[in-house]
Amino acid sequence: CVIDYSGLFDFEFIKHVSDRDGVSDAGETIRVFRMRGTGIFQDPNDL
């Protein structure tokens, strides 16, 4: 997962996620790119 997230190699079975992380002072949605695991560990918090 770390290798895939870092862009060193693209594993097709690993898909990371862009999550909403609140709203900025300008009213724009803040998003953060988070690493996910495989199978039953696809929630970043679970991972």
All heavy atoms as atom14 arrays in JSON, in Angstrom:
{
  "sequence": "CVIDYSGLFDFEFIKHVSDRDGVSDAGETIRVFRMRGTGIFQDPNDL",
  "atom14_mask": [
    [1, 1, 1, 1, 1, 1, 0, 0, 0, 0, 0, 0, 0, 0],
    [1, 1, 1, 1, 1, 1, 1, 0, 0, 0, 0, 0, 0, 0],
    [1, 1, 1, 1, 1, 1, 1, 1, 0, 0, 0, 0, 0, 0],
    [1, 1, 1, 1, 1, 1, 1, 1, 0, 0, 0, 0, 0, 0],
    [1, 1, 1, 1, 1, 1, 1, 1, 1, 1, 1, 1, 0, 0],
    [1, 1, 1, 1, 1, 1, 0, 0, 0, 0, 0, 0, 0, 0],
    [1, 1, 1, 1, 0, 0, 0, 0, 0, 0, 0, 0, 0, 0],
    [1, 1, 1, 1, 1, 1, 1, 1, 0, 0, 0, 0, 0, 0],
    [1, 1, 1, 1, 1, 1, 1, 1, 1, 1, 1, 0, 0, 0],
    [1, 1, 1, 1, 1, 1, 1, 1, 0, 0, 0, 0, 0, 0],
    [1, 1, 1, 1, 1, 1, 1, 1, 1, 1, 1, 0, 0, 0],
    [1, 1, 1, 1, 1, 1, 1, 1, 1, 0, 0, 0, 0, 0],
    [1, 1, 1, 1, 1, 1, 1, 1, 1, 1, 1, 0, 0, 0],
    [1, 1, 1, 1, 1, 1, 1, 1, 0, 0, 0, 0, 0, 0],
    [1, 1, 1, 1, 1, 1, 1, 1, 1, 0, 0, 0, 0, 0],
    [1, 1, 1, 1, 1, 1, 1, 1, 1, 1, 0, 0, 0, 0],
    [1, 1, 1, 1, 1, 1, 1, 0, 0, 0, 0, 0, 0, 0],
    [1, 1, 1, 1, 1, 1, 0, 0, 0, 0, 0, 0, 0, 0],
    [1, 1, 1, 1, 1, 1, 1, 1, 0, 0, 0, 0, 0, 0],
    [1, 1, 1, 1, 1, 1, 1, 1, 1, 1, 1, 0, 0, 0],
    [1, 1, 1, 1, 1, 1, 1, 1, 0, 0, 0, 0, 0, 0],
    [1, 1, 1, 1, 0, 0, 0, 0, 0, 0, 0, 0, 0, 0],
    [1, 1, 1, 1, 1, 1, 1, 0, 0, 0, 0, 0, 0, 0],
    [1, 1, 1, 1, 1, 1, 0, 0, 0, 0, 0, 0, 0, 0],
    [1, 1, 1, 1, 1, 1, 1, 1, 0, 0, 0, 0, 0, 0],
    [1, 1, 1, 1, 1, 0, 0, 0, 0, 0, 0, 0, 0, 0],
    [1, 1, 1, 1, 0, 0, 0, 0, 0, 0, 0, 0, 0, 0],
    [1, 1, 1, 1, 1, 1, 1, 1, 1, 0, 0, 0, 0, 0],
    [1, 1, 1, 1, 1, 1, 1, 0, 0, 0, 0, 0, 0, 0],
    [1, 1, 1, 1, 1, 1, 1, 1, 0, 0, 0, 0, 0, 0],
    [1, 1, 1, 1, 1, 1, 1, 1, 1, 1, 1, 0, 0, 0],
    [1, 1, 1, 1, 1, 1, 1, 0, 0, 0, 0, 0, 0, 0],
    [1, 1, 1, 1, 1, 1, 1, 1, 1, 1, 1, 0, 0, 0],
    [1, 1, 1, 1, 1, 1, 1, 1, 1, 1, 1, 0, 0, 0],
    [1, 1, 1, 1, 1, 1, 1, 1, 0, 0, 0, 0, 0, 0],
    [1, 1, 1, 1, 1, 1, 1, 1, 1, 1, 1, 0, 0, 0],
    [1, 1, 1, 1, 0, 0, 0, 0, 0, 0, 0, 0, 0, 0],
    [1, 1, 1, 1, 1, 1, 1, 0, 0, 0, 0, 0, 0, 0],
    [1, 1, 1, 1, 0, 0, 0, 0, 0, 0, 0, 0, 0, 0],
    [1, 1, 1, 1, 1, 1, 1, 1, 0, 0, 0, 0, 0, 0],
    [1, 1, 1, 1, 1, 1, 1, 1, 1, 1, 1, 0, 0, 0],
    [1, 1, 1, 1, 1, 1, 1, 1, 1, 0, 0, 0, 0, 0],
    [1, 1, 1, 1, 1, 1, 1, 1, 0, 0, 0, 0, 0, 0],
    [1, 1, 1, 1, 1, 1, 1, 0, 0, 0, 0, 0, 0, 0],
    [1, 1, 1, 1, 1, 1, 1, 1, 0, 0, 0, 0, 0, 0],
    [1, 1, 1, 1, 1, 1, 1, 1, 0, 0, 0, 0, 0, 0],
    [1, 1, 1, 1, 1, 1, 1, 1, 0, 0, 0, 0, 0, 0]
  ],
  "atom14_positions": [
    [[0.83, -1.21, 0.0], [0.0, 0.0, 0.0], [0.86, 1.26, 0.0], [0.54, 2.24, -0.69], [-0.93, 0.0, 1.2], [-2.16, -1.32, 1.2], [0.0, 0.0, 0.0], [0.0, 0.0, 0.0], [0.0, 0.0, 0.0], [0.0, 0.0, 0.0], [0.0, 0.0, 0.0], [0.0, 0.0, 0.0], [0.0, 0.0, 0.0], [0.0, 0.0, 0.0]],
    [[1.95, 1.25, 0.77], [2.86, 2.4, 0.82], [3.51, 2.62, -0.54], [3.62, 3.75, -1.02], [3.92, 2.2, 1.93], [5.04, 3.24, 1.81], [3.27, 2.28, 3.31], [0.0, 0.0, 0.0], [0.0, 0.0, 0.0], [0.0, 0.0, 0.0], [0.0, 0.0, 0.0], [0.0, 0.0, 0.0], [0.0, 0.0, 0.0], [0.0, 0.0, 0.0]],
    [[3.94, 1.53, -1.17], [4.56, 1.63, -2.5], [3.57, 2.22, -3.5], [3.91, 3.1, -4.29], [5.05, 0.24, -2.97], [6.24, -0.21, -2.12], [5.44, 0.26, -4.45], [6.69, -1.64, -2.39], [0.0, 0.0, 0.0], [0.0, 0.0, 0.0], [0.0, 0.0, 0.0], [0.0, 0.0, 0.0], [0.0, 0.0, 0.0], [0.0, 0.0, 0.0]],
    [[2.33, 1.75, -3.46], [1.32, 2.25, -4.39], [1.0, 3.71, -4.12], [0.9, 4.52, -5.05], [0.06, 1.39, -4.28], [-0.98, 1.76, -5.31], [-0.95, 1.18, -6.4], [-1.83, 2.63, -5.02], [0.0, 0.0, 0.0], [0.0, 0.0, 0.0], [0.0, 0.0, 0.0], [0.0, 0.0, 0.0], [0.0, 0.0, 0.0], [0.0, 0.0, 0.0]],
    [[0.82, 4.06, -2.86], [0.47, 5.44, -2.49], [1.59, 6.4, -2.87], [1.33, 7.54, -3.3], [0.2, 5.51, -0.99], [-0.29, 6.86, -0.5], [-1.65, 7.15, -0.45], [0.61, 7.84, -0.09], [-2.1, 8.38, 0.0], [0.18, 9.07, 0.36], [-1.19, 9.34, 0.4], [-1.62, 10.57, 0.85], [0.0, 0.0, 0.0], [0.0, 0.0, 0.0]],
    [[2.84, 5.95, -2.74], [3.99, 6.8, -3.06], [4.19, 6.97, -4.56], [4.99, 7.81, -4.98], [5.26, 6.21, -2.44], [5.12, 6.07, -1.04], [0.0, 0.0, 0.0], [0.0, 0.0, 0.0], [0.0, 0.0, 0.0], [0.0, 0.0, 0.0], [0.0, 0.0, 0.0], [0.0, 0.0, 0.0], [0.0, 0.0, 0.0], [0.0, 0.0, 0.0]],
    [[3.52, 6.18, -5.36], [3.66, 6.26, -6.81], [4.84, 5.49, -7.35], [5.17, 5.61, -8.54], [0.0, 0.0, 0.0], [0.0, 0.0, 0.0], [0.0, 0.0, 0.0], [0.0, 0.0, 0.0], [0.0, 0.0, 0.0], [0.0, 0.0, 0.0], [0.0, 0.0, 0.0], [0.0, 0.0, 0.0], [0.0, 0.0, 0.0], [0.0, 0.0, 0.0]],
    [[5.48, 4.66, -6.52], [6.61, 3.87, -6.99], [6.18, 2.76, -7.92], [6.92, 2.36, -8.83], [7.37, 3.29, -5.79], [7.97, 4.32, -4.81], [8.62, 3.6, -3.63], [8.98, 5.2, -5.53], [0.0, 0.0, 0.0], [0.0, 0.0, 0.0], [0.0, 0.0, 0.0], [0.0, 0.0, 0.0], [0.0, 0.0, 0.0], [0.0, 0.0, 0.0]],
    [[4.97, 2.25, -7.68], [4.41, 1.21, -8.55], [2.9, 1.22, -8.38], [2.39, 1.45, -7.28], [4.97, -0.17, -8.2], [4.62, -1.25, -9.2], [5.42, -1.45, -10.32], [3.49, -2.03, -9.03], [5.1, -2.43, -11.25], [3.16, -3.01, -9.94], [3.97, -3.21, -11.06], [0.0, 0.0, 0.0], [0.0, 0.0, 0.0], [0.0, 0.0, 0.0]],
    [[2.19, 0.98, -9.46], [0.73, 1.02, -9.42], [0.16, -0.39, -9.37], [0.23, -1.14, -10.34], [0.19, 1.76, -10.65], [-1.32, 1.89, -10.62], [-1.9, 1.73, -9.53], [-1.92, 2.13, -11.68], [0.0, 0.0, 0.0], [0.0, 0.0, 0.0], [0.0, 0.0, 0.0], [0.0, 0.0, 0.0], [0.0, 0.0, 0.0], [0.0, 0.0, 0.0]],
    [[-0.36, -0.76, -8.19], [-1.04, -2.05, -8.05], [-2.53, -1.84, -8.33], [-3.18, -1.02, -7.66], [-0.86, -2.61, -6.63], [0.57, -2.95, -6.3], [1.33, -2.11, -5.48], [1.15, -4.1, -6.8], [2.63, -2.42, -5.17], [2.47, -4.42, -6.48], [3.21, -3.58, -5.67], [0.0, 0.0, 0.0], [0.0, 0.0, 0.0], [0.0, 0.0, 0.0]],
    [[-3.05, -2.57, -9.27], [-4.43, -2.37, -9.69], [-5.44, -2.65, -8.57], [-6.53, -2.09, -8.55], [-4.75, -3.24, -10.9], [-4.0, -2.83, -12.17], [-4.41, -3.64, -13.38], [-5.34, -4.49, -13.21], [-3.84, -3.45, -14.45], [0.0, 0.0, 0.0], [0.0, 0.0, 0.0], [0.0, 0.0, 0.0], [0.0, 0.0, 0.0], [0.0, 0.0, 0.0]],
    [[-5.09, -3.55, -7.66], [-6.03, -3.94, -6.62], [-6.02, -3.01, -5.42], [-6.76, -3.23, -4.45], [-5.76, -5.39, -6.17], [-4.36, -5.61, -5.65], [-4.05, -5.43, -4.32], [-3.35, -6.01, -6.53], [-2.77, -5.65, -3.85], [-2.06, -6.23, -6.06], [-1.77, -6.04, -4.72], [0.0, 0.0, 0.0], [0.0, 0.0, 0.0], [0.0, 0.0, 0.0]],
    [[-5.18, -1.97, -5.44], [-5.15, -1.0, -4.34], [-5.68, 0.33, -4.84], [-5.12, 0.91, -5.78], [-3.72, -0.83, -3.78], [-3.18, -2.18, -3.26], [-3.71, 0.2, -2.66], [-1.76, -2.11, -2.77], [0.0, 0.0, 0.0], [0.0, 0.0, 0.0], [0.0, 0.0, 0.0], [0.0, 0.0, 0.0], [0.0, 0.0, 0.0], [0.0, 0.0, 0.0]],
    [[-6.73, 0.82, -4.23], [-7.33, 2.09, -4.6], [-7.41, 2.99, -3.37], [-8.03, 2.62, -2.37], [-8.74, 1.88, -5.17], [-8.81, 0.92, -6.37], [-8.06, 1.48, -7.58], [-8.15, 0.52, -8.76], [-7.37, 0.99, -9.93], [0.0, 0.0, 0.0], [0.0, 0.0, 0.0], [0.0, 0.0, 0.0], [0.0, 0.0, 0.0], [0.0, 0.0, 0.0]],
    [[-6.76, 4.13, -3.44], [-6.79, 5.06, -2.33], [-7.99, 5.99, -2.47], [-8.72, 5.93, -3.46], [-5.47, 5.82, -2.27], [-4.28, 4.91, -2.23], [-4.0, 4.1, -1.15], [-3.32, 4.63, -3.16], [-2.92, 3.38, -1.39], [-2.49, 3.68, -2.61], [0.0, 0.0, 0.0], [0.0, 0.0, 0.0], [0.0, 0.0, 0.0], [0.0, 0.0, 0.0]],
    [[-8.19, 6.86, -1.49], [-9.43, 7.63, -1.46], [-9.17, 9.1, -1.16], [-8.26, 9.44, -0.41], [-10.4, 7.03, -0.4], [-9.8, 7.12, 0.99], [-11.75, 7.7, -0.45], [0.0, 0.0, 0.0], [0.0, 0.0, 0.0], [0.0, 0.0, 0.0], [0.0, 0.0, 0.0], [0.0, 0.0, 0.0], [0.0, 0.0, 0.0], [0.0, 0.0, 0.0]],
    [[-9.97, 9.95, -1.77], [-9.95, 11.38, -1.48], [-11.15, 11.7, -0.59], [-12.3, 11.59, -1.03], [-10.02, 12.19, -2.78], [-10.08, 13.58, -2.51], [0.0, 0.0, 0.0], [0.0, 0.0, 0.0], [0.0, 0.0, 0.0], [0.0, 0.0, 0.0], [0.0, 0.0, 0.0], [0.0, 0.0, 0.0], [0.0, 0.0, 0.0], [0.0, 0.0, 0.0]],
    [[-10.89, 12.08, 0.65], [-11.97, 12.31, 1.62], [-12.21, 13.8, 1.85], [-11.29, 14.61, 1.79], [-11.61, 11.67, 2.97], [-12.05, 10.23, 3.04], [-12.77, 9.79, 2.13], [-11.68, 9.55, 4.02], [0.0, 0.0, 0.0], [0.0, 0.0, 0.0], [0.0, 0.0, 0.0], [0.0, 0.0, 0.0], [0.0, 0.0, 0.0], [0.0, 0.0, 0.0]],
    [[-13.45, 14.12, 2.14], [-13.8, 15.48, 2.55], [-13.25, 15.73, 3.95], [-13.36, 14.9, 4.83], [-15.32, 15.63, 2.55], [-15.81, 17.01, 3.02], [-17.33, 17.05, 3.01], [-17.85, 18.28, 3.58], [-18.04, 18.49, 4.89], [-17.76, 17.5, 5.75], [-18.51, 19.62, 5.33], [0.0, 0.0, 0.0], [0.0, 0.0, 0.0], [0.0, 0.0, 0.0]],
    [[-12.65, 16.92, 4.14], [-12.05, 17.25, 5.43], [-12.47, 18.64, 5.89], [-11.65, 19.48, 6.26], [-10.52, 17.14, 5.34], [-9.86, 17.22, 6.71], [-10.44, 16.7, 7.67], [-8.77, 17.82, 6.81], [0.0, 0.0, 0.0], [0.0, 0.0, 0.0], [0.0, 0.0, 0.0], [0.0, 0.0, 0.0], [0.0, 0.0, 0.0], [0.0, 0.0, 0.0]],
    [[-13.74, 18.92, 5.79], [-14.24, 20.2, 6.26], [-14.34, 21.23, 5.15], [-14.25, 20.92, 3.96], [0.0, 0.0, 0.0], [0.0, 0.0, 0.0], [0.0, 0.0, 0.0], [0.0, 0.0, 0.0], [0.0, 0.0, 0.0], [0.0, 0.0, 0.0], [0.0, 0.0, 0.0], [0.0, 0.0, 0.0], [0.0, 0.0, 0.0], [0.0, 0.0, 0.0]],
    [[-14.53, 22.48, 5.56], [-14.73, 23.59, 4.64], [-13.76, 24.71, 5.0], [-13.56, 25.03, 6.17], [-16.18, 24.1, 4.69], [-16.38, 25.27, 3.73], [-17.16, 22.98, 4.39], [0.0, 0.0, 0.0], [0.0, 0.0, 0.0], [0.0, 0.0, 0.0], [0.0, 0.0, 0.0], [0.0, 0.0, 0.0], [0.0, 0.0, 0.0], [0.0, 0.0, 0.0]],
    [[-13.15, 25.31, 3.97], [-12.2, 26.4, 4.19], [-12.93, 27.69, 4.54], [-14.17, 27.78, 4.45], [-11.35, 26.61, 2.94], [-12.16, 27.09, 1.87], [0.0, 0.0, 0.0], [0.0, 0.0, 0.0], [0.0, 0.0, 0.0], [0.0, 0.0, 0.0], [0.0, 0.0, 0.0], [0.0, 0.0, 0.0], [0.0, 0.0, 0.0], [0.0, 0.0, 0.0]],
    [[-12.17, 28.73, 4.93], [-12.76, 30.03, 5.25], [-13.46, 30.64, 4.04], [-14.39, 31.44, 4.17], [-11.67, 30.99, 5.75], [-11.08, 30.53, 7.08], [-11.78, 29.78, 7.79], [-9.93, 30.9, 7.39], [0.0, 0.0, 0.0], [0.0, 0.0, 0.0], [0.0, 0.0, 0.0], [0.0, 0.0, 0.0], [0.0, 0.0, 0.0], [0.0, 0.0, 0.0]],
    [[-13.03, 30.25, 2.83], [-13.64, 30.77, 1.61], [-14.88, 29.96, 1.21], [-15.49, 30.23, 0.17], [-12.62, 30.74, 0.47], [0.0, 0.0, 0.0], [0.0, 0.0, 0.0], [0.0, 0.0, 0.0], [0.0, 0.0, 0.0], [0.0, 0.0, 0.0], [0.0, 0.0, 0.0], [0.0, 0.0, 0.0], [0.0, 0.0, 0.0], [0.0, 0.0, 0.0]],
    [[-15.24, 28.96, 2.02], [-16.43, 28.18, 1.73], [-16.18, 27.01, 0.8], [-17.13, 26.36, 0.35], [0.0, 0.0, 0.0], [0.0, 0.0, 0.0], [0.0, 0.0, 0.0], [0.0, 0.0, 0.0], [0.0, 0.0, 0.0], [0.0, 0.0, 0.0], [0.0, 0.0, 0.0], [0.0, 0.0, 0.0], [0.0, 0.0, 0.0], [0.0, 0.0, 0.0]],
    [[-14.92, 26.7, 0.5], [-14.6, 25.6, -0.4], [-14.36, 24.31, 0.39], [-13.81, 24.34, 1.48], [-13.36, 25.93, -1.24], [-13.54, 27.13, -2.15], [-12.27, 27.45, -2.93], [-11.23, 26.82, -2.6], [-12.31, 28.29, -3.82], [0.0, 0.0, 0.0], [0.0, 0.0, 0.0], [0.0, 0.0, 0.0], [0.0, 0.0, 0.0], [0.0, 0.0, 0.0]],
    [[-14.77, 23.2, -0.2], [-14.58, 21.91, 0.45], [-13.1, 21.52, 0.46], [-12.43, 21.58, -0.57], [-15.38, 20.82, -0.27], [-16.77, 21.15, -0.23], [-15.17, 19.46, 0.37], [0.0, 0.0, 0.0], [0.0, 0.0, 0.0], [0.0, 0.0, 0.0], [0.0, 0.0, 0.0], [0.0, 0.0, 0.0], [0.0, 0.0, 0.0], [0.0, 0.0, 0.0]],
    [[-12.59, 21.16, 1.62], [-11.2, 20.71, 1.76], [-11.17, 19.2, 1.62], [-11.94, 18.48, 2.26], [-10.63, 21.12, 3.13], [-10.69, 22.63, 3.32], [-9.19, 20.62, 3.28], [-10.32, 23.09, 4.71], [0.0, 0.0, 0.0], [0.0, 0.0, 0.0], [0.0, 0.0, 0.0], [0.0, 0.0, 0.0], [0.0, 0.0, 0.0], [0.0, 0.0, 0.0]],
    [[-10.28, 18.71, 0.77], [-10.17, 17.27, 0.56], [-8.75, 16.82, 0.88], [-7.79, 17.59, 0.74], [-10.55, 16.9, -0.87], [-11.91, 17.39, -1.31], [-12.43, 16.63, -2.5], [-12.79, 15.26, -2.17], [-13.98, 14.9, -1.65], [-14.9, 15.83, -1.41], [-14.24, 13.64, -1.4], [0.0, 0.0, 0.0], [0.0, 0.0, 0.0], [0.0, 0.0, 0.0]],
    [[-8.62, 15.58, 1.3], [-7.32, 15.01, 1.63], [-7.22, 13.62, 1.0], [-8.18, 12.84, 1.03], [-7.11, 14.96, 3.16], [-8.19, 14.11, 3.82], [-5.73, 14.42, 3.51], [0.0, 0.0, 0.0], [0.0, 0.0, 0.0], [0.0, 0.0, 0.0], [0.0, 0.0, 0.0], [0.0, 0.0, 0.0], [0.0, 0.0, 0.0], [0.0, 0.0, 0.0]],
    [[-6.08, 13.31, 0.42], [-5.84, 12.02, -0.23], [-5.27, 11.06, 0.8], [-4.22, 11.33, 1.41], [-4.88, 12.2, -1.4], [-4.78, 10.98, -2.28], [-5.9, 10.43, -2.88], [-3.54, 10.39, -2.54], [-5.81, 9.31, -3.71], [-3.44, 9.28, -3.37], [-4.59, 8.74, -3.95], [0.0, 0.0, 0.0], [0.0, 0.0, 0.0], [0.0, 0.0, 0.0]],
    [[-5.95, 9.93, 1.03], [-5.6, 9.03, 2.12], [-5.32, 7.62, 1.61], [-5.97, 7.15, 0.67], [-6.74, 9.0, 3.15], [-7.14, 10.37, 3.64], [-8.33, 10.29, 4.58], [-7.97, 9.59, 5.8], [-8.87, 9.24, 6.73], [-10.16, 9.47, 6.53], [-8.49, 8.61, 7.82], [0.0, 0.0, 0.0], [0.0, 0.0, 0.0], [0.0, 0.0, 0.0]],
    [[-4.39, 6.96, 2.26], [-4.02, 5.6, 1.88], [-5.02, 4.6, 2.42], [-5.42, 4.66, 3.59], [-2.62, 5.27, 2.4], [-2.09, 3.93, 1.9], [-0.43, 3.56, 2.52], [-0.82, 2.89, 4.13], [0.0, 0.0, 0.0], [0.0, 0.0, 0.0], [0.0, 0.0, 0.0], [0.0, 0.0, 0.0], [0.0, 0.0, 0.0], [0.0, 0.0, 0.0]],
    [[-5.41, 3.66, 1.56], [-6.28, 2.57, 1.97], [-5.53, 1.24, 1.87], [-4.51, 1.14, 1.2], [-7.53, 2.51, 1.1], [-8.42, 3.71, 1.2], [-9.84, 3.42, 0.75], [-9.92, 2.9, -0.6], [-11.08, 2.62, -1.21], [-12.22, 2.8, -0.58], [-11.08, 2.15, -2.45], [0.0, 0.0, 0.0], [0.0, 0.0, 0.0], [0.0, 0.0, 0.0]],
    [[-6.09, 0.23, 2.51], [-5.51, -1.1, 2.43], [-6.23, -1.94, 1.4], [-6.93, -1.43, 0.52], [0.0, 0.0, 0.0], [0.0, 0.0, 0.0], [0.0, 0.0, 0.0], [0.0, 0.0, 0.0], [0.0, 0.0, 0.0], [0.0, 0.0, 0.0], [0.0, 0.0, 0.0], [0.0, 0.0, 0.0], [0.0, 0.0, 0.0], [0.0, 0.0, 0.0]],
    [[-6.07, -3.24, 1.5], [-6.73, -4.17, 0.58], [-7.84, -4.91, 1.31], [-7.9, -4.95, 2.54], [-5.72, -5.19, 0.03], [-5.21, -5.98, 1.13], [-4.55, -4.5, -0.64], [0.0, 0.0, 0.0], [0.0, 0.0, 0.0], [0.0, 0.0, 0.0], [0.0, 0.0, 0.0], [0.0, 0.0, 0.0], [0.0, 0.0, 0.0], [0.0, 0.0, 0.0]],
    [[-8.73, -5.51, 0.53], [-9.77, -6.37, 1.09], [-10.61, -5.68, 2.14], [-11.23, -4.64, 1.9], [0.0, 0.0, 0.0], [0.0, 0.0, 0.0], [0.0, 0.0, 0.0], [0.0, 0.0, 0.0], [0.0, 0.0, 0.0], [0.0, 0.0, 0.0], [0.0, 0.0, 0.0], [0.0, 0.0, 0.0], [0.0, 0.0, 0.0], [0.0, 0.0, 0.0]],
    [[-10.62, -6.22, 3.35], [-11.46, -5.71, 4.43], [-10.84, -4.51, 5.14], [-11.43, -3.99, 6.09], [-11.76, -6.83, 5.46], [-10.44, -7.43, 5.98], [-12.63, -7.89, 4.86], [-10.65, -8.5, 7.03], [0.0, 0.0, 0.0], [0.0, 0.0, 0.0], [0.0, 0.0, 0.0], [0.0, 0.0, 0.0], [0.0, 0.0, 0.0], [0.0, 0.0, 0.0]],
    [[-9.69, -4.05, 4.69], [-9.01, -2.9, 5.32], [-9.0, -1.69, 4.4], [-8.04, -0.94, 4.35], [-7.59, -3.28, 5.73], [-7.52, -4.38, 6.74], [-7.22, -5.68, 6.35], [-7.78, -4.14, 8.07], [-7.16, -6.7, 7.28], [-7.73, -5.15, 9.01], [-7.42, -6.44, 8.62], [0.0, 0.0, 0.0], [0.0, 0.0, 0.0], [0.0, 0.0, 0.0]],
    [[-10.09, -1.47, 3.69], [-10.12, -0.37, 2.73], [-10.49, 0.96, 3.36], [-10.45, 1.98, 2.69], [-11.07, -0.71, 1.58], [-10.55, -1.86, 0.74], [-11.28, -2.01, -0.59], [-11.91, -1.08, -1.07], [-11.18, -3.18, -1.18], [0.0, 0.0, 0.0], [0.0, 0.0, 0.0], [0.0, 0.0, 0.0], [0.0, 0.0, 0.0], [0.0, 0.0, 0.0]],
    [[-10.88, 0.97, 4.61], [-11.09, 2.22, 5.33], [-9.74, 2.68, 5.9], [-9.09, 1.92, 6.62], [-12.1, 2.0, 6.47], [-12.47, 3.29, 7.18], [-11.58, 4.12, 7.43], [-13.65, 3.48, 7.49], [0.0, 0.0, 0.0], [0.0, 0.0, 0.0], [0.0, 0.0, 0.0], [0.0, 0.0, 0.0], [0.0, 0.0, 0.0], [0.0, 0.0, 0.0]],
    [[-9.29, 3.91, 5.6], [-7.99, 4.37, 6.11], [-7.89, 4.3, 7.63], [-6.82, 4.02, 8.17], [-7.91, 5.82, 5.6], [-8.77, 5.85, 4.39], [-9.9, 4.9, 4.69], [0.0, 0.0, 0.0], [0.0, 0.0, 0.0], [0.0, 0.0, 0.0], [0.0, 0.0, 0.0], [0.0, 0.0, 0.0], [0.0, 0.0, 0.0], [0.0, 0.0, 0.0]],
    [[-9.01, 4.59, 8.33], [-8.98, 4.53, 9.79], [-8.82, 3.09, 10.27], [-8.11, 2.82, 11.24], [-10.26, 5.13, 10.35], [-10.42, 6.59, 10.0], [-9.5, 7.38, 10.18], [-11.57, 6.96, 9.47], [0.0, 0.0, 0.0], [0.0, 0.0, 0.0], [0.0, 0.0, 0.0], [0.0, 0.0, 0.0], [0.0, 0.0, 0.0], [0.0, 0.0, 0.0]],
    [[-9.49, 2.18, 9.61], [-9.35, 0.76, 9.92], [-7.91, 0.3, 9.69], [-7.31, -0.41, 10.52], [-10.31, -0.04, 9.04], [-10.62, -1.41, 9.6], [-10.16, -1.71, 10.71], [-11.3, -2.19, 8.92], [0.0, 0.0, 0.0], [0.0, 0.0, 0.0], [0.0, 0.0, 0.0], [0.0, 0.0, 0.0], [0.0, 0.0, 0.0], [0.0, 0.0, 0.0]],
    [[-7.34, 0.74, 8.58], [-5.95, 0.38, 8.26], [-4.99, 0.94, 9.29], [-4.01, 0.29, 9.67], [-5.59, 0.89, 6.86], [-4.18, 0.58, 6.37], [-3.97, -0.92, 6.26], [-3.92, 1.26, 5.03], [0.0, 0.0, 0.0], [0.0, 0.0, 0.0], [0.0, 0.0, 0.0], [0.0, 0.0, 0.0], [0.0, 0.0, 0.0], [0.0, 0.0, 0.0]]
  ]
}
